[in-house]
Amino acid sequence: MLNVDPYVPRPTLLSPHHIASAVHQINPQAASPTEVWHLLTERFTVDLDAVAAVLPRSEPEPRWLQARR
C-alpha cells in the first residue's frame, strides 16, 4: 500500500466471493502475483487472510538431488 491516501475512501472487500471477482478483473492488468497484491491493496481495503486464501500459493521450484551412482 505505497502512497495510499488514508483519507480517500476505498471499497472494502471482505467476502472471498468479492475478492475473487476483483482478482479476476485485476489479473489481466497484472504481470505477476506480486502486482496483483499491490493493485488489490492500492484500490481496495481488503482482508489479507481472505486474499491469501483466494490467490494461488506460489511454491518454490524444487531442487532435485543428483542421483548417487
PDB file of N, CA and C in Angstrom:
ATOM      1  N   MET A   1       0.835  -1.175   0.000  1.00  0.00           N
ATOM      2  CA  MET A   1       0.000   0.000   0.000  1.00  0.00           C
ATOM      3  C   MET A   1       0.885   1.246   0.000  1.00  0.00           C
ATOM      4  N   LEU A   2       1.687   1.391  -0.979  1.00  0.00           N
ATOM      5  CA  LEU A   2       2.554   2.537  -1.065  1.00  0.00           C
ATOM      6  C   LEU A   2       1.799   3.757  -1.556  1.00  0.00           C
ATOM      7  N   ASN A   3       2.063   4.885  -0.933  1.00  0.00           N
ATOM      8  CA  ASN A   3       1.490   6.164  -1.345  1.00  0.00           C
ATOM      9  C   ASN A   3      -0.028   6.162  -1.409  1.00  0.00           C
ATOM     10  N   VAL A   4      -0.680   5.455  -0.517  1.00  0.00           N
ATOM     11  CA  VAL A   4      -2.135   5.433  -0.484  1.00  0.00           C
ATOM     12  C   VAL A   4      -2.600   6.470   0.522  1.00  0.00           C
ATOM     13  N   ASP A   5      -3.479   7.360   0.072  1.00  0.00           N
ATOM     14  CA  ASP A   5      -4.000   8.402   0.940  1.00  0.00           C
ATOM     15  C   ASP A   5      -5.045   7.799   1.873  1.00  0.00           C
ATOM     16  N   PRO A   6      -4.819   7.829   3.194  1.00  0.00           N
ATOM     17  CA  PRO A   6      -5.780   7.209   4.112  1.00  0.00           C
ATOM     18  C   PRO A   6      -7.108   7.952   4.192  1.00  0.00           C
ATOM     19  N   TYR A   7      -7.170   9.159   3.671  1.00  0.00           N
ATOM     20  CA  TYR A   7      -8.397   9.948   3.746  1.00  0.00           C
ATOM     21  C   TYR A   7      -9.298   9.766   2.529  1.00  0.00           C
ATOM     22  N   VAL A   8      -8.821   9.066   1.522  1.00  0.00           N
ATOM     23  CA  VAL A   8      -9.636   8.765   0.349  1.00  0.00           C
ATOM     24  C   VAL A   8     -10.338   7.433   0.592  1.00  0.00           C
ATOM     25  N   PRO A   9     -11.670   7.455   0.612  1.00  0.00           N
ATOM     26  CA  PRO A   9     -12.376   6.193   0.873  1.00  0.00           C
ATOM     27  C   PRO A   9     -12.172   5.192  -0.265  1.00  0.00           C
ATOM     28  N   ARG A  10     -11.954   3.934   0.112  1.00  0.00           N
ATOM     29  CA  ARG A  10     -11.814   2.861  -0.862  1.00  0.00           C
ATOM     30  C   ARG A  10     -12.842   1.793  -0.531  1.00  0.00           C
ATOM     31  N   PRO A  11     -13.330   1.072  -1.540  1.00  0.00           N
ATOM     32  CA  PRO A  11     -14.268  -0.025  -1.264  1.00  0.00           C
ATOM     33  C   PRO A  11     -13.617  -1.087  -0.386  1.00  0.00           C
ATOM     34  N   THR A  12     -14.408  -1.681   0.470  1.00  0.00           N
ATOM     35  CA  THR A  12     -13.928  -2.732   1.361  1.00  0.00           C
ATOM     36  C   THR A  12     -14.352  -4.090   0.819  1.00  0.00           C
ATOM     37  N   LEU A  13     -13.386  -4.996   0.719  1.00  0.00           N
ATOM     38  CA  LEU A  13     -13.655  -6.355   0.261  1.00  0.00           C
ATOM     39  C   LEU A  13     -13.324  -7.319   1.390  1.00  0.00           C
ATOM     40  N   LEU A  14     -14.331  -7.961   1.919  1.00  0.00           N
ATOM     41  CA  LEU A  14     -14.119  -8.932   2.988  1.00  0.00           C
ATOM     42  C   LEU A  14     -14.557 -10.333   2.578  1.00  0.00           C
ATOM     43  N   SER A  15     -15.507 -10.433   1.676  1.00  0.00           N
ATOM     44  CA  SER A  15     -16.043 -11.717   1.239  1.00  0.00           C
ATOM     45  C   SER A  15     -15.103 -12.366   0.221  1.00  0.00           C
ATOM     46  N   PRO A  16     -14.833 -13.651   0.366  1.00  0.00           N
ATOM     47  CA  PRO A  16     -14.000 -14.341  -0.633  1.00  0.00           C
ATOM     48  C   PRO A  16     -14.572 -14.245  -2.040  1.00  0.00           C
ATOM     49  N   HIS A  17     -15.896 -14.215  -2.165  1.00  0.00           N
ATOM     50  CA  HIS A  17     -16.518 -14.096  -3.486  1.00  0.00           C
ATOM     51  C   HIS A  17     -16.180 -12.735  -4.121  1.00  0.00           C
ATOM     52  N   HIS A  18     -16.268 -11.673  -3.348  1.00  0.00           N
ATOM     53  CA  HIS A  18     -15.956 -10.341  -3.876  1.00  0.00           C
ATOM     54  C   HIS A  18     -14.469 -10.188  -4.175  1.00  0.00           C
ATOM     55  N   ILE A  19     -13.643 -10.777  -3.336  1.00  0.00           N
ATOM     56  CA  ILE A  19     -12.201 -10.725  -3.570  1.00  0.00           C
ATOM     57  C   ILE A  19     -11.845 -11.487  -4.840  1.00  0.00           C
ATOM     58  N   ALA A  20     -12.443 -12.666  -5.032  1.00  0.00           N
ATOM     59  CA  ALA A  20     -12.177 -13.452  -6.244  1.00  0.00           C
ATOM     60  C   ALA A  20     -12.625 -12.693  -7.486  1.00  0.00           C
ATOM     61  N   SER A  21     -13.737 -11.995  -7.403  1.00  0.00           N
ATOM     62  CA  SER A  21     -14.214 -11.194  -8.527  1.00  0.00           C
ATOM     63  C   SER A  21     -13.237 -10.065  -8.836  1.00  0.00           C
ATOM     64  N   ALA A  22     -12.734  -9.392  -7.799  1.00  0.00           N
ATOM     65  CA  ALA A  22     -11.769  -8.305  -8.001  1.00  0.00           C
ATOM     66  C   ALA A  22     -10.463  -8.836  -8.586  1.00  0.00           C
ATOM     67  N   VAL A  23     -10.006  -9.983  -8.085  1.00  0.00           N
ATOM     68  CA  VAL A  23      -8.773 -10.593  -8.618  1.00  0.00           C
ATOM     69  C   VAL A  23      -8.967 -10.946 -10.088  1.00  0.00           C
ATOM     70  N   HIS A  24     -10.145 -11.461 -10.444  1.00  0.00           N
ATOM     71  CA  HIS A  24     -10.435 -11.809 -11.835  1.00  0.00           C
ATOM     72  C   HIS A  24     -10.366 -10.566 -12.735  1.00  0.00           C
ATOM     73  N   GLN A  25     -10.826  -9.431 -12.237  1.00  0.00           N
ATOM     74  CA  GLN A  25     -10.788  -8.192 -13.013  1.00  0.00           C
ATOM     75  C   GLN A  25      -9.381  -7.614 -13.088  1.00  0.00           C
ATOM     76  N   ILE A  26      -8.600  -7.760 -12.020  1.00  0.00           N
ATOM     77  CA  ILE A  26      -7.253  -7.183 -11.960  1.00  0.00           C
ATOM     78  C   ILE A  26      -6.225  -8.051 -12.680  1.00  0.00           C
ATOM     79  N   ASN A  27      -6.441  -9.347 -12.735  1.00  0.00           N
ATOM     80  CA  ASN A  27      -5.458 -10.284 -13.291  1.00  0.00           C
ATOM     81  C   ASN A  27      -4.928  -9.900 -14.675  1.00  0.00           C
ATOM     82  N   PRO A  28      -5.759  -9.479 -15.634  1.00  0.00           N
ATOM     83  CA  PRO A  28      -5.198  -9.110 -16.942  1.00  0.00           C
ATOM     84  C   PRO A  28      -4.258  -7.903 -16.893  1.00  0.00           C
ATOM     85  N   GLN A  29      -4.410  -7.058 -15.889  1.00  0.00           N
ATOM     86  CA  GLN A  29      -3.580  -5.855 -15.781  1.00  0.00           C
ATOM     87  C   GLN A  29      -2.264  -6.126 -15.070  1.00  0.00           C
ATOM     88  N   ALA A  30      -2.194  -7.205 -14.332  1.00  0.00           N
ATOM     89  CA  ALA A  30      -1.017  -7.505 -13.517  1.00  0.00           C
ATOM     90  C   ALA A  30      -0.093  -8.482 -14.229  1.00  0.00           C
ATOM     91  N   ALA A  31       1.192  -8.222 -14.109  1.00  0.00           N
ATOM     92  CA  ALA A  31       2.180  -9.086 -14.745  1.00  0.00           C
ATOM     93  C   ALA A  31       2.618 -10.236 -13.842  1.00  0.00           C
ATOM     94  N   SER A  32       2.357 -10.109 -12.538  1.00  0.00           N
ATOM     95  CA  SER A  32       2.799 -11.132 -11.595  1.00  0.00           C
ATOM     96  C   SER A  32       1.846 -11.176 -10.401  1.00  0.00           C
ATOM     97  N   PRO A  33       1.893 -12.252  -9.606  1.00  0.00           N
ATOM     98  CA  PRO A  33       1.070 -12.310  -8.396  1.00  0.00           C
ATOM     99  C   PRO A  33       1.387 -11.173  -7.414  1.00  0.00           C
ATOM    100  N   THR A  34       2.632 -10.744  -7.386  1.00  0.00           N
ATOM    101  CA  THR A  34       3.005  -9.628  -6.518  1.00  0.00           C
ATOM    102  C   THR A  34       2.287  -8.358  -6.932  1.00  0.00           C
ATOM    103  N   GLU A  35       2.180  -8.153  -8.216  1.00  0.00           N
ATOM    104  CA  GLU A  35       1.475  -6.973  -8.717  1.00  0.00           C
ATOM    105  C   GLU A  35      -0.030  -7.060  -8.454  1.00  0.00           C
ATOM    106  N   VAL A  36      -0.580  -8.269  -8.456  1.00  0.00           N
ATOM    107  CA  VAL A  36      -1.992  -8.450  -8.099  1.00  0.00           C
ATOM    108  C   VAL A  36      -2.209  -7.986  -6.664  1.00  0.00           C
ATOM    109  N   TRP A  37      -1.323  -8.417  -5.749  1.00  0.00           N
ATOM    110  CA  TRP A  37      -1.405  -7.964  -4.350  1.00  0.00           C
ATOM    111  C   TRP A  37      -1.344  -6.445  -4.285  1.00  0.00           C
ATOM    112  N   HIS A  38      -0.394  -5.866  -5.004  1.00  0.00           N
ATOM    113  CA  HIS A  38      -0.205  -4.414  -4.968  1.00  0.00           C
ATOM    114  C   HIS A  38      -1.449  -3.687  -5.468  1.00  0.00           C
ATOM    115  N   LEU A  39      -1.986  -4.108  -6.592  1.00  0.00           N
ATOM    116  CA  LEU A  39      -3.170  -3.455  -7.148  1.00  0.00           C
ATOM    117  C   LEU A  39      -4.385  -3.621  -6.241  1.00  0.00           C
ATOM    118  N   LEU A  40      -4.546  -4.799  -5.657  1.00  0.00           N
ATOM    119  CA  LEU A  40      -5.669  -5.017  -4.739  1.00  0.00           C
ATOM    120  C   LEU A  40      -5.596  -4.097  -3.528  1.00  0.00           C
ATOM    121  N   THR A  41      -4.429  -4.037  -2.909  1.00  0.00           N
ATOM    122  CA  THR A  41      -4.295  -3.225  -1.697  1.00  0.00           C
ATOM    123  C   THR A  41      -4.281  -1.737  -1.996  1.00  0.00           C
ATOM    124  N   GLU A  42      -3.948  -1.378  -3.228  1.00  0.00           N
ATOM    125  CA  GLU A  42      -3.970   0.027  -3.622  1.00  0.00           C
ATOM    126  C   GLU A  42      -5.396   0.503  -3.897  1.00  0.00           C
ATOM    127  N   ARG A  43      -6.214  -0.358  -4.464  1.00  0.00           N
ATOM    128  CA  ARG A  43      -7.569   0.029  -4.883  1.00  0.00           C
ATOM    129  C   ARG A  43      -8.651  -0.281  -3.856  1.00  0.00           C
ATOM    130  N   PHE A  44      -8.401  -1.254  -2.982  1.00  0.00           N
ATOM    131  CA  PHE A  44      -9.430  -1.711  -2.048  1.00  0.00           C
ATOM    132  C   PHE A  44      -8.856  -1.832  -0.641  1.00  0.00           C
ATOM    133  N   THR A  45      -9.733  -1.790   0.336  1.00  0.00           N
ATOM    134  CA  THR A  45      -9.391  -2.215   1.690  1.00  0.00           C
ATOM    135  C   THR A  45      -9.812  -3.672   1.760  1.00  0.00           C
ATOM    136  N   VAL A  46      -8.846  -4.557   1.987  1.00  0.00           N
ATOM    137  CA  VAL A  46      -9.130  -5.985   1.894  1.00  0.00           C
ATOM    138  C   VAL A  46      -8.722  -6.715   3.167  1.00  0.00           C
ATOM    139  N   ASP A  47      -9.340  -7.868   3.366  1.00  0.00           N
ATOM    140  CA  ASP A  47      -8.933  -8.801   4.402  1.00  0.00           C
ATOM    141  C   ASP A  47      -7.791  -9.619   3.803  1.00  0.00           C
ATOM    142  N   LEU A  48      -6.573  -9.391   4.265  1.00  0.00           N
ATOM    143  CA  LEU A  48      -5.405 -10.023   3.653  1.00  0.00           C
ATOM    144  C   LEU A  48      -5.426 -11.544   3.783  1.00  0.00           C
ATOM    145  N   ASP A  49      -5.988 -12.065   4.864  1.00  0.00           N
ATOM    146  CA  ASP A  49      -6.098 -13.520   5.008  1.00  0.00           C
ATOM    147  C   ASP A  49      -7.037 -14.096   3.952  1.00  0.00           C
ATOM    148  N   ALA A  50      -8.117 -13.384   3.663  1.00  0.00           N
ATOM    149  CA  ALA A  50      -9.057 -13.839   2.635  1.00  0.00           C
ATOM    150  C   ALA A  50      -8.412 -13.771   1.256  1.00  0.00           C
ATOM    151  N   VAL A  51      -7.608 -12.747   1.012  1.00  0.00           N
ATOM    152  CA  VAL A  51      -6.905 -12.639  -0.274  1.00  0.00           C
ATOM    153  C   VAL A  51      -5.917 -13.791  -0.411  1.00  0.00           C
ATOM    154  N   ALA A  52      -5.188 -14.098   0.647  1.00  0.00           N
ATOM    155  CA  ALA A  52      -4.223 -15.204   0.606  1.00  0.00           C
ATOM    156  C   ALA A  52      -4.918 -16.528   0.340  1.00  0.00           C
ATOM    157  N   ALA A  53      -6.139 -16.684   0.829  1.00  0.00           N
ATOM    158  CA  ALA A  53      -6.884 -17.920   0.588  1.00  0.00           C
ATOM    159  C   ALA A  53      -7.369 -18.018  -0.849  1.00  0.00           C
ATOM    160  N   VAL A  54      -7.618 -16.876  -1.482  1.00  0.00           N
ATOM    161  CA  VAL A  54      -8.144 -16.861  -2.857  1.00  0.00           C
ATOM    162  C   VAL A  54      -7.030 -16.999  -3.884  1.00  0.00           C
ATOM    163  N   LEU A  55      -5.915 -16.306  -3.674  1.00  0.00           N
ATOM    164  CA  LEU A  55      -4.820 -16.350  -4.643  1.00  0.00           C
ATOM    165  C   LEU A  55      -4.107 -17.691  -4.578  1.00  0.00           C
ATOM    166  N   PRO A  56      -3.652 -18.183  -5.726  1.00  0.00           N
ATOM    167  CA  PRO A  56      -2.903 -19.449  -5.707  1.00  0.00           C
ATOM    168  C   PRO A  56      -1.573 -19.268  -4.977  1.00  0.00           C
ATOM    169  N   ARG A  57      -1.218 -20.265  -4.233  1.00  0.00           N
ATOM    170  CA  ARG A  57       0.028 -20.225  -3.471  1.00  0.00           C
ATOM    171  C   ARG A  57       1.198 -20.439  -4.424  1.00  0.00           C
ATOM    172  N   SER A  58       2.206 -19.613  -4.300  1.00  0.00           N
ATOM    173  CA  SER A  58       3.387 -19.801  -5.148  1.00  0.00           C
ATOM    174  C   SER A  58       4.395 -20.640  -4.378  1.00  0.00           C
ATOM    175  N   GLU A  59       4.636 -21.814  -4.876  1.00  0.00           N
ATOM    176  CA  GLU A  59       5.573 -22.738  -4.247  1.00  0.00           C
ATOM    177  C   GLU A  59       6.929 -22.599  -4.923  1.00  0.00           C
ATOM    178  N   PRO A  60       7.992 -22.677  -4.151  1.00  0.00           N
ATOM    179  CA  PRO A  60       9.317 -22.619  -4.785  1.00  0.00           C
ATOM    180  C   PRO A  60       9.560 -23.857  -5.642  1.00  0.00           C
ATOM    181  N   GLU A  61      10.327 -23.688  -6.653  1.00  0.00           N
ATOM    182  CA  GLU A  61      10.665 -24.798  -7.541  1.00  0.00           C
ATOM    183  C   GLU A  61      11.572 -25.763  -6.768  1.00  0.00           C
ATOM    184  N   PRO A  62      11.263 -27.063  -6.772  1.00  0.00           N
ATOM    185  CA  PRO A  62      12.102 -27.998  -6.002  1.00  0.00           C
ATOM    186  C   PRO A  62      13.485 -28.164  -6.641  1.00  0.00           C
ATOM    187  N   ARG A  63      14.466 -28.338  -5.799  1.00  0.00           N
ATOM    188  CA  ARG A  63      15.818 -28.635  -6.284  1.00  0.00           C
ATOM    189  C   ARG A  63      16.047 -30.114  -6.056  1.00  0.00           C
ATOM    190  N   TRP A  64      16.210 -30.822  -7.135  1.00  0.00           N
ATOM    191  CA  TRP A  64      16.374 -32.265  -7.038  1.00  0.00           C
ATOM    192  C   TRP A  64      17.842 -32.596  -6.780  1.00  0.00           C
ATOM    193  N   LEU A  65      18.056 -33.551  -5.887  1.00  0.00           N
ATOM    194  CA  LEU A  65      19.406 -34.017  -5.629  1.00  0.00           C
ATOM    195  C   LEU A  65      19.866 -34.883  -6.783  1.00  0.00           C
ATOM    196  N   GLN A  66      21.151 -34.834  -7.033  1.00  0.00           N
ATOM    197  CA  GLN A  66      21.688 -35.693  -8.089  1.00  0.00           C
ATOM    198  C   GLN A  66      21.670 -37.142  -7.610  1.00  0.00           C
ATOM    199  N   ALA A  67      21.381 -38.015  -8.533  1.00  0.00           N
ATOM    200  CA  ALA A  67      21.332 -39.445  -8.185  1.00  0.00           C
ATOM    201  C   ALA A  67      22.727 -39.951  -7.834  1.00  0.00           C
ATOM    202  N   ARG A  68      22.752 -40.808  -6.825  1.00  0.00           N
ATOM    203  CA  ARG A  68      24.042 -41.422  -6.449  1.00  0.00           C
ATOM    204  C   ARG A  68      24.348 -42.562  -7.383  1.00  0.00           C
ATOM    205  N   ARG A  69      25.602 -42.783  -7.639  1.00  0.00           N
ATOM    206  CA  ARG A  69      25.999 -43.891  -8.521  1.00  0.00           C
ATOM    207  C   ARG A  69      26.655 -44.984  -7.764  1.00  0.00           C
TER     208      ARG A  69
END
